């Protein structure tokens, strides 16, 4: 395949790639939101049952790690 043929093939499929990427990112964002909601509900349920484990330093630390893992990385200026 020549360089020009490859370039044409990539440009032709670009709209499909962009659409699929957008859909995948939207699904990921929905799943992350659902995960946060579940984490919150689980913590509330544990607290309601009197399980002090729901708010131990380790659990707070792990929750913080999950939060920052979901944040986009910032570039140094």
PDB file of N, CA and C in Angstrom:
ATOM      1  N   UNK A   1       0.862  -1.174   0.000  1.00  0.00           N
ATOM      2  CA  UNK A   1       0.000   0.000   0.000  1.00  0.00           C
ATOM      3  C   UNK A   1       0.902   1.229   0.000  1.00  0.00           C
ATOM      4  N   UNK A   2       0.625   2.133  -0.909  1.00  0.00           N
ATOM      5  CA  UNK A   2       1.451   3.325  -1.002  1.00  0.00           C
ATOM      6  C   UNK A   2       1.126   4.285   0.135  1.00  0.00           C
ATOM      7  N   UNK A   3       1.998   5.215   0.351  1.00  0.00           N
ATOM      8  CA  UNK A   3       1.814   6.218   1.394  1.00  0.00           C
ATOM      9  C   UNK A   3       0.530   7.003   1.158  1.00  0.00           C
ATOM     10  N   UNK A   4       0.281   7.382  -0.074  1.00  0.00           N
ATOM     11  CA  UNK A   4      -0.933   8.155  -0.389  1.00  0.00           C
ATOM     12  C   UNK A   4      -2.189   7.328  -0.154  1.00  0.00           C
ATOM     13  N   UNK A   5      -2.151   6.052  -0.510  1.00  0.00           N
ATOM     14  CA  UNK A   5      -3.308   5.181  -0.302  1.00  0.00           C
ATOM     15  C   UNK A   5      -3.594   5.035   1.197  1.00  0.00           C
ATOM     16  N   UNK A   6      -2.537   4.918   1.985  1.00  0.00           N
ATOM     17  CA  UNK A   6      -2.701   4.821   3.431  1.00  0.00           C
ATOM     18  C   UNK A   6      -3.286   6.113   3.994  1.00  0.00           C
ATOM     19  N   UNK A   7      -2.789   7.241   3.532  1.00  0.00           N
ATOM     20  CA  UNK A   7      -3.299   8.540   3.983  1.00  0.00           C
ATOM     21  C   UNK A   7      -4.793   8.675   3.657  1.00  0.00           C
ATOM     22  N   UNK A   8      -5.185   8.305   2.464  1.00  0.00           N
ATOM     23  CA  UNK A   8      -6.587   8.378   2.048  1.00  0.00           C
ATOM     24  C   UNK A   8      -7.446   7.447   2.905  1.00  0.00           C
ATOM     25  N   UNK A   9      -6.958   6.244   3.154  1.00  0.00           N
ATOM     26  CA  UNK A   9      -7.716   5.285   3.969  1.00  0.00           C
ATOM     27  C   UNK A   9      -7.929   5.826   5.378  1.00  0.00           C
ATOM     28  N   UNK A  10      -6.897   6.415   5.958  1.00  0.00           N
ATOM     29  CA  UNK A  10      -7.016   6.966   7.309  1.00  0.00           C
ATOM     30  C   UNK A  10      -7.971   8.154   7.344  1.00  0.00           C
ATOM     31  N   UNK A  11      -7.880   9.032   6.385  1.00  0.00           N
ATOM     32  CA  UNK A  11      -8.757  10.207   6.352  1.00  0.00           C
ATOM     33  C   UNK A  11     -10.210   9.812   6.083  1.00  0.00           C
ATOM     34  N   UNK A  12     -10.411   8.771   5.285  1.00  0.00           N
ATOM     35  CA  UNK A  12     -11.763   8.306   4.986  1.00  0.00           C
ATOM     36  C   UNK A  12     -12.418   7.740   6.235  1.00  0.00           C
ATOM     37  N   UNK A  13     -11.642   7.043   7.045  1.00  0.00           N
ATOM     38  CA  UNK A  13     -12.212   6.414   8.237  1.00  0.00           C
ATOM     39  C   UNK A  13     -12.210   7.352   9.449  1.00  0.00           C
ATOM     40  N   UNK A  14     -11.649   8.534   9.314  1.00  0.00           N
ATOM     41  CA  UNK A  14     -11.550   9.468  10.438  1.00  0.00           C
ATOM     42  C   UNK A  14     -12.903   9.765  11.091  1.00  0.00           C
ATOM     43  N   UNK A  15     -13.962  10.066  10.328  1.00  0.00           N
ATOM     44  CA  UNK A  15     -15.250  10.334  10.982  1.00  0.00           C
ATOM     45  C   UNK A  15     -15.765   9.151  11.801  1.00  0.00           C
ATOM     46  N   UNK A  16     -15.555   7.936  11.288  1.00  0.00           N
ATOM     47  CA  UNK A  16     -15.976   6.750  12.043  1.00  0.00           C
ATOM     48  C   UNK A  16     -15.172   6.608  13.330  1.00  0.00           C
ATOM     49  N   UNK A  17     -13.884   6.839  13.251  1.00  0.00           N
ATOM     50  CA  UNK A  17     -13.024   6.747  14.428  1.00  0.00           C
ATOM     51  C   UNK A  17     -13.434   7.806  15.452  1.00  0.00           C
ATOM     52  N   UNK A  18     -13.661   9.036  15.003  1.00  0.00           N
ATOM     53  CA  UNK A  18     -14.053  10.108  15.915  1.00  0.00           C
ATOM     54  C   UNK A  18     -15.381   9.802  16.598  1.00  0.00           C
ATOM     55  N   UNK A  19     -16.337   9.276  15.839  1.00  0.00           N
ATOM     56  CA  UNK A  19     -17.645   8.944  16.399  1.00  0.00           C
ATOM     57  C   UNK A  19     -17.532   7.824  17.429  1.00  0.00           C
ATOM     58  N   UNK A  20     -16.765   6.789  17.095  1.00  0.00           N
ATOM     59  CA  UNK A  20     -16.584   5.671  18.022  1.00  0.00           C
ATOM     60  C   UNK A  20     -15.853   6.113  19.282  1.00  0.00           C
ATOM     61  N   UNK A  21     -14.863   6.963  19.123  1.00  0.00           N
ATOM     62  CA  UNK A  21     -14.119   7.481  20.267  1.00  0.00           C
ATOM     63  C   UNK A  21     -15.020   8.308  21.169  1.00  0.00           C
ATOM     64  N   UNK A  22     -15.831   9.154  20.578  1.00  0.00           N
ATOM     65  CA  UNK A  22     -16.759   9.977  21.347  1.00  0.00           C
ATOM     66  C   UNK A  22     -17.750   9.112  22.122  1.00  0.00           C
ATOM     67  N   UNK A  23     -18.274   8.093  21.484  1.00  0.00           N
ATOM     68  CA  UNK A  23     -19.222   7.194  22.140  1.00  0.00           C
ATOM     69  C   UNK A  23     -18.547   6.436  23.284  1.00  0.00           C
ATOM     70  N   UNK A  24     -17.325   5.986  23.067  1.00  0.00           N
ATOM     71  CA  UNK A  24     -16.598   5.251  24.104  1.00  0.00           C
ATOM     72  C   UNK A  24     -16.306   6.154  25.303  1.00  0.00           C
ATOM     73  N   UNK A  25     -15.920   7.401  25.039  1.00  0.00           N
ATOM     74  CA  UNK A  25     -15.647   8.338  26.137  1.00  0.00           C
ATOM     75  C   UNK A  25     -16.916   8.661  26.918  1.00  0.00           C
ATOM     76  N   UNK A  26     -18.027   8.807  26.225  1.00  0.00           N
ATOM     77  CA  UNK A  26     -19.301   9.076  26.902  1.00  0.00           C
ATOM     78  C   UNK A  26     -19.701   7.895  27.777  1.00  0.00           C
ATOM     79  N   UNK A  27     -19.538   6.684  27.259  1.00  0.00           N
ATOM     80  CA  UNK A  27     -19.864   5.492  28.048  1.00  0.00           C
ATOM     81  C   UNK A  27     -18.966   5.395  29.273  1.00  0.00           C
ATOM     82  N   UNK A  28     -17.682   5.670  29.090  1.00  0.00           N
ATOM     83  CA  UNK A  28     -16.741   5.649  30.210  1.00  0.00           C
ATOM     84  C   UNK A  28     -17.149   6.645  31.287  1.00  0.00           C
ATOM     85  N   UNK A  29     -17.521   7.845  30.874  1.00  0.00           N
ATOM     86  CA  UNK A  29     -17.936   8.875  31.834  1.00  0.00           C
ATOM     87  C   UNK A  29     -19.190   8.448  32.594  1.00  0.00           C
ATOM     88  N   UNK A  30     -20.130   7.815  31.893  1.00  0.00           N
ATOM     89  CA  UNK A  30     -21.343   7.320  32.556  1.00  0.00           C
ATOM     90  C   UNK A  30     -20.998   6.233  33.571  1.00  0.00           C
ATOM     91  N   UNK A  31     -20.093   5.331  33.199  1.00  0.00           N
ATOM     92  CA  UNK A  31     -19.691   4.264  34.108  1.00  0.00           C
ATOM     93  C   UNK A  31     -18.975   4.810  35.336  1.00  0.00           C
ATOM     94  N   UNK A  32     -18.136   5.807  35.140  1.00  0.00           N
ATOM     95  CA  UNK A  32     -17.448   6.419  36.276  1.00  0.00           C
ATOM     96  C   UNK A  32     -18.430   7.094  37.221  1.00  0.00           C
ATOM     97  N   UNK A  33     -19.429   7.765  36.659  1.00  0.00           N
ATOM     98  CA  UNK A  33     -20.447   8.404  37.489  1.00  0.00           C
ATOM     99  C   UNK A  33     -21.220   7.350  38.271  1.00  0.00           C
ATOM    100  N   UNK A  34     -21.537   6.256  37.622  1.00  0.00           N
ATOM    101  CA  UNK A  34     -22.248   5.164  38.284  1.00  0.00           C
ATOM    102  C   UNK A  34     -21.383   4.556  39.387  1.00  0.00           C
ATOM    103  N   UNK A  35     -20.097   4.426  39.148  1.00  0.00           N
ATOM    104  CA  UNK A  35     -19.167   3.895  40.139  1.00  0.00           C
ATOM    105  C   UNK A  35     -19.127   4.801  41.371  1.00  0.00           C
ATOM    106  N   UNK A  36     -19.059   6.105  41.146  1.00  0.00           N
ATOM    107  CA  UNK A  36     -19.059   7.050  42.272  1.00  0.00           C
ATOM    108  C   UNK A  36     -20.354   6.935  43.067  1.00  0.00           C
ATOM    109  N   UNK A  37     -21.476   6.804  42.364  1.00  0.00           N
ATOM    110  CA  UNK A  37     -22.764   6.669  43.027  1.00  0.00           C
ATOM    111  C   UNK A  37     -22.799   5.385  43.871  1.00  0.00           C
ATOM    112  N   UNK A  38     -22.314   4.285  43.308  1.00  0.00           N
ATOM    113  CA  UNK A  38     -22.285   3.021  44.043  1.00  0.00           C
ATOM    114  C   UNK A  38     -21.368   3.101  45.258  1.00  0.00           C
ATOM    115  N   UNK A  39     -20.200   3.711  45.107  1.00  0.00           N
ATOM    116  CA  UNK A  39     -19.291   3.879  46.239  1.00  0.00           C
ATOM    117  C   UNK A  39     -19.971   4.639  47.371  1.00  0.00           C
ATOM    118  N   UNK A  40     -20.681   5.686  47.006  1.00  0.00           N
ATOM    119  CA  UNK A  40     -21.379   6.491  48.011  1.00  0.00           C
ATOM    120  C   UNK A  40     -22.471   5.689  48.698  1.00  0.00           C
ATOM    121  N   UNK A  41     -23.255   4.958  47.922  1.00  0.00           N
ATOM    122  CA  UNK A  41     -24.335   4.154  48.500  1.00  0.00           C
ATOM    123  C   UNK A  41     -23.793   3.038  49.393  1.00  0.00           C
ATOM    124  N   UNK A  42     -22.715   2.416  48.984  1.00  0.00           N
ATOM    125  CA  UNK A  42     -22.101   1.364  49.792  1.00  0.00           C
ATOM    126  C   UNK A  42     -21.610   1.937  51.119  1.00  0.00           C
ATOM    127  N   UNK A  43     -20.957   3.091  51.065  1.00  0.00           N
ATOM    128  CA  UNK A  43     -20.470   3.722  52.293  1.00  0.00           C
ATOM    129  C   UNK A  43     -21.629   4.078  53.213  1.00  0.00           C
ATOM    130  N   UNK A  44     -22.707   4.610  52.645  1.00  0.00           N
ATOM    131  CA  UNK A  44     -23.880   4.962  53.464  1.00  0.00           C
ATOM    132  C   UNK A  44     -24.505   3.719  54.085  1.00  0.00           C
ATOM    133  N   UNK A  45     -24.590   2.635  53.323  1.00  0.00           N
ATOM    134  CA  UNK A  45     -25.170   1.397  53.837  1.00  0.00           C
ATOM    135  C   UNK A  45     -24.321   0.838  54.974  1.00  0.00           C
ATOM    136  N   UNK A  46     -23.006   0.857  54.807  1.00  0.00           N
ATOM    137  CA  UNK A  46     -22.122   0.381  55.870  1.00  0.00           C
ATOM    138  C   UNK A  46     -22.264   1.239  57.116  1.00  0.00           C
ATOM    139  N   UNK A  47     -22.347   2.544  56.921  1.00  0.00           N
ATOM    140  CA  UNK A  47     -22.512   3.439  58.065  1.00  0.00           C
ATOM    141  C   UNK A  47     -23.846   3.180  58.753  1.00  0.00           C
ATOM    142  N   UNK A  48     -24.889   2.938  57.971  1.00  0.00           N
ATOM    143  CA  UNK A  48     -26.206   2.670  58.544  1.00  0.00           C
ATOM    144  C   UNK A  48     -26.207   1.375  59.355  1.00  0.00           C
ATOM    145  N   UNK A  49     -25.373   0.422  58.964  1.00  0.00           N
ATOM    146  CA  UNK A  49     -25.272  -0.840  59.689  1.00  0.00           C
ATOM    147  C   UNK A  49     -24.310  -0.746  60.867  1.00  0.00           C
ATOM    148  N   UNK A  50     -23.724   0.422  61.026  1.00  0.00           N
ATOM    149  CA  UNK A  50     -22.805   0.612  62.142  1.00  0.00           C
ATOM    150  C   UNK A  50     -21.404   0.114  61.883  1.00  0.00           C
ATOM    151  N   UNK A  51     -21.108  -0.189  60.674  1.00  0.00           N
ATOM    152  CA  UNK A  51     -19.760  -0.636  60.332  1.00  0.00           C
ATOM    153  C   UNK A  51     -18.857   0.582  60.238  1.00  0.00           C
ATOM    154  N   UNK A  52     -17.954   0.697  61.174  1.00  0.00           N
ATOM    155  CA  UNK A  52     -17.068   1.862  61.182  1.00  0.00           C
ATOM    156  C   UNK A  52     -16.032   1.798  60.074  1.00  0.00           C
ATOM    157  N   UNK A  53     -15.910   0.648  59.436  1.00  0.00           N
ATOM    158  CA  UNK A  53     -14.951   0.471  58.355  1.00  0.00           C
ATOM    159  C   UNK A  53     -15.214   1.438  57.200  1.00  0.00           C
ATOM    160  N   UNK A  54     -16.449   1.912  57.073  1.00  0.00           N
ATOM    161  CA  UNK A  54     -16.817   2.769  55.948  1.00  0.00           C
ATOM    162  C   UNK A  54     -16.054   4.085  55.940  1.00  0.00           C
ATOM    163  N   UNK A  55     -15.497   4.479  57.070  1.00  0.00           N
ATOM    164  CA  UNK A  55     -14.816   5.768  57.101  1.00  0.00           C
ATOM    165  C   UNK A  55     -13.459   5.689  57.798  1.00  0.00           C
ATOM    166  N   UNK A  56     -12.799   4.557  57.682  1.00  0.00           N
ATOM    167  CA  UNK A  56     -11.465   4.426  58.262  1.00  0.00           C
ATOM    168  C   UNK A  56     -10.471   5.183  57.388  1.00  0.00           C
ATOM    169  N   UNK A  57      -9.313   5.507  57.938  1.00  0.00           N
ATOM    170  CA  UNK A  57      -8.302   6.204  57.120  1.00  0.00           C
ATOM    171  C   UNK A  57      -7.958   5.450  55.829  1.00  0.00           C
ATOM    172  N   UNK A  58      -7.873   4.131  55.908  1.00  0.00           N
ATOM    173  CA  UNK A  58      -7.539   3.343  54.708  1.00  0.00           C
ATOM    174  C   UNK A  58      -8.626   3.487  53.648  1.00  0.00           C
ATOM    175  N   UNK A  59      -9.883   3.426  54.056  1.00  0.00           N
ATOM    176  CA  UNK A  59     -10.987   3.554  53.105  1.00  0.00           C
ATOM    177  C   UNK A  59     -10.987   4.957  52.507  1.00  0.00           C
ATOM    178  N   UNK A  60     -10.767   5.974  53.320  1.00  0.00           N
ATOM    179  CA  UNK A  60     -10.712   7.351  52.800  1.00  0.00           C
ATOM    180  C   UNK A  60      -9.558   7.497  51.817  1.00  0.00           C
ATOM    181  N   UNK A  61      -8.407   6.895  52.145  1.00  0.00           N
ATOM    182  CA  UNK A  61      -7.242   6.947  51.269  1.00  0.00           C
ATOM    183  C   UNK A  61      -7.552   6.291  49.922  1.00  0.00           C
ATOM    184  N   UNK A  62      -8.158   5.104  49.958  1.00  0.00           N
ATOM    185  CA  UNK A  62      -8.493   4.399  48.716  1.00  0.00           C
ATOM    186  C   UNK A  62      -9.522   5.179  47.906  1.00  0.00           C
ATOM    187  N   UNK A  63     -10.478   5.790  48.568  1.00  0.00           N
ATOM    188  CA  UNK A  63     -11.482   6.610  47.884  1.00  0.00           C
ATOM    189  C   UNK A  63     -10.806   7.803  47.202  1.00  0.00           C
ATOM    190  N   UNK A  64      -9.860   8.414  47.904  1.00  0.00           N
ATOM    191  CA  UNK A  64      -9.129   9.547  47.331  1.00  0.00           C
ATOM    192  C   UNK A  64      -8.319   9.112  46.121  1.00  0.00           C
ATOM    193  N   UNK A  65      -7.664   7.955  46.214  1.00  0.00           N
ATOM    194  CA  UNK A  65      -6.898   7.446  45.071  1.00  0.00           C
ATOM    195  C   UNK A  65      -7.802   7.225  43.867  1.00  0.00           C
ATOM    196  N   UNK A  66      -8.981   6.616  44.108  1.00  0.00           N
ATOM    197  CA  UNK A  66      -9.915   6.386  43.002  1.00  0.00           C
ATOM    198  C   UNK A  66     -10.366   7.714  42.398  1.00  0.00           C
ATOM    199  N   UNK A  67     -10.594   8.704  43.245  1.00  0.00           N
ATOM    200  CA  UNK A  67     -11.029  10.010  42.749  1.00  0.00           C
ATOM    201  C   UNK A  67      -9.966  10.608  41.829  1.00  0.00           C
ATOM    202  N   UNK A  68      -8.723  10.634  42.298  1.00  0.00           N
ATOM    203  CA  UNK A  68      -7.674  11.245  41.490  1.00  0.00           C
ATOM    204  C   UNK A  68      -7.329  10.409  40.265  1.00  0.00           C
ATOM    205  N   UNK A  69      -7.538   9.114  40.319  1.00  0.00           N
ATOM    206  CA  UNK A  69      -7.283   8.261  39.154  1.00  0.00           C
ATOM    207  C   UNK A  69      -8.261   8.583  38.035  1.00  0.00           C
ATOM    208  N   UNK A  70      -9.447   9.082  38.393  1.00  0.00           N
ATOM    209  CA  UNK A  70     -10.456   9.412  37.373  1.00  0.00           C
ATOM    210  C   UNK A  70     -10.271  10.811  36.800  1.00  0.00           C
ATOM    211  N   UNK A  71      -9.409  11.619  37.397  1.00  0.00           N
ATOM    212  CA  UNK A  71      -9.227  12.988  36.927  1.00  0.00           C
ATOM    213  C   UNK A  71      -8.260  13.007  35.739  1.00  0.00           C
ATOM    214  N   UNK A  72      -8.531  13.889  34.777  1.00  0.00           N
ATOM    215  CA  UNK A  72      -7.586  13.996  33.651  1.00  0.00           C
ATOM    216  C   UNK A  72      -6.250  14.536  34.140  1.00  0.00           C
ATOM    217  N   UNK A  73      -5.215  14.054  33.545  1.00  0.00           N
ATOM    218  CA  UNK A  73      -3.868  14.521  33.935  1.00  0.00           C
ATOM    219  C   UNK A  73      -3.658  15.941  33.434  1.00  0.00           C
ATOM    220  N   UNK A  74      -3.057  16.742  34.281  1.00  0.00           N
ATOM    221  CA  UNK A  74      -2.755  18.131  33.887  1.00  0.00           C
ATOM    222  C   UNK A  74      -1.321  18.204  33.403  1.00  0.00           C
ATOM    223  N   UNK A  75      -1.123  19.022  32.414  1.00  0.00           N
ATOM    224  CA  UNK A  75       0.213  19.167  31.860  1.00  0.00           C
ATOM    225  C   UNK A  75       0.968  20.253  32.615  1.00  0.00           C
ATOM    226  N   UNK A  76       2.249  20.042  32.795  1.00  0.00           N
ATOM    227  CA  UNK A  76       3.083  21.061  33.431  1.00  0.00           C
ATOM    228  C   UNK A  76       3.240  22.226  32.470  1.00  0.00           C
ATOM    229  N   UNK A  77       3.292  23.384  33.015  1.00  0.00           N
ATOM    230  CA  UNK A  77       3.404  24.571  32.174  1.00  0.00           C
ATOM    231  C   UNK A  77       4.836  24.977  31.985  1.00  0.00           C
TER     232      UNK A  77
END
